[in-house]
Amino acid sequence: MSGAGAAERGLVDGSGIRVAVIAGQWHDVIANGLLAGAQREIERLGATAQVVPVPGSFELPVVAKVALESGFDAAVALGVIIRGGTPHFEYVSDAATSGLTKVAIETGKPVGFGVLTLDDEQQGIDRAGLPGSKEDKGAEAAHAAIATAVTLRELRTNA
């Protein structure tokens, strides 16, 4: 859901949906923008949320898994990974992406992917939902998680 091809974020009835927002703390300006966007969208959709801070993106999968196993209906994983001069970027990006995918499949619950993998800081500022940003990836991740949780609830109710 990015750029010109992004789907419209319509209104989804998220009432009764409990969301764990797992928020990486690395790069506070961008991270805080992502978190604020996710919180605005969760409130707009009528869901409830608990914010769980973690040091960085590498820690997102394990905390998301425990949150979902403890009863949350969805998780929103927010993080910032900026490319540097070492392979660290690739390792952390792959671990976060693969780990969060595995968590969603193993728990059968949605994980909204709000992890920004960036070449530079400006790309993050442009996507963090800050004043002047072109996109709000925190809100998009929250919307995706809640909409999917609602779909899963309907499928399980009608099965």
Foldseek 3Di string as FASTA:
>chain_A
DDDPPDDDLDAAQLAPAEEEEEFAPPPPVLSVLLVVLLVVLCVRNNYHYDYHYDNFLLPQLVVQLVVLVVPGQEYEYAHEQEDDDDCPLVVSVCNNVVSQVVSCVVSVAYYQYRYDRYPDDVVSVLASNDVVHVHNSSNVSNSVRSVVSVVVVVVVVVD
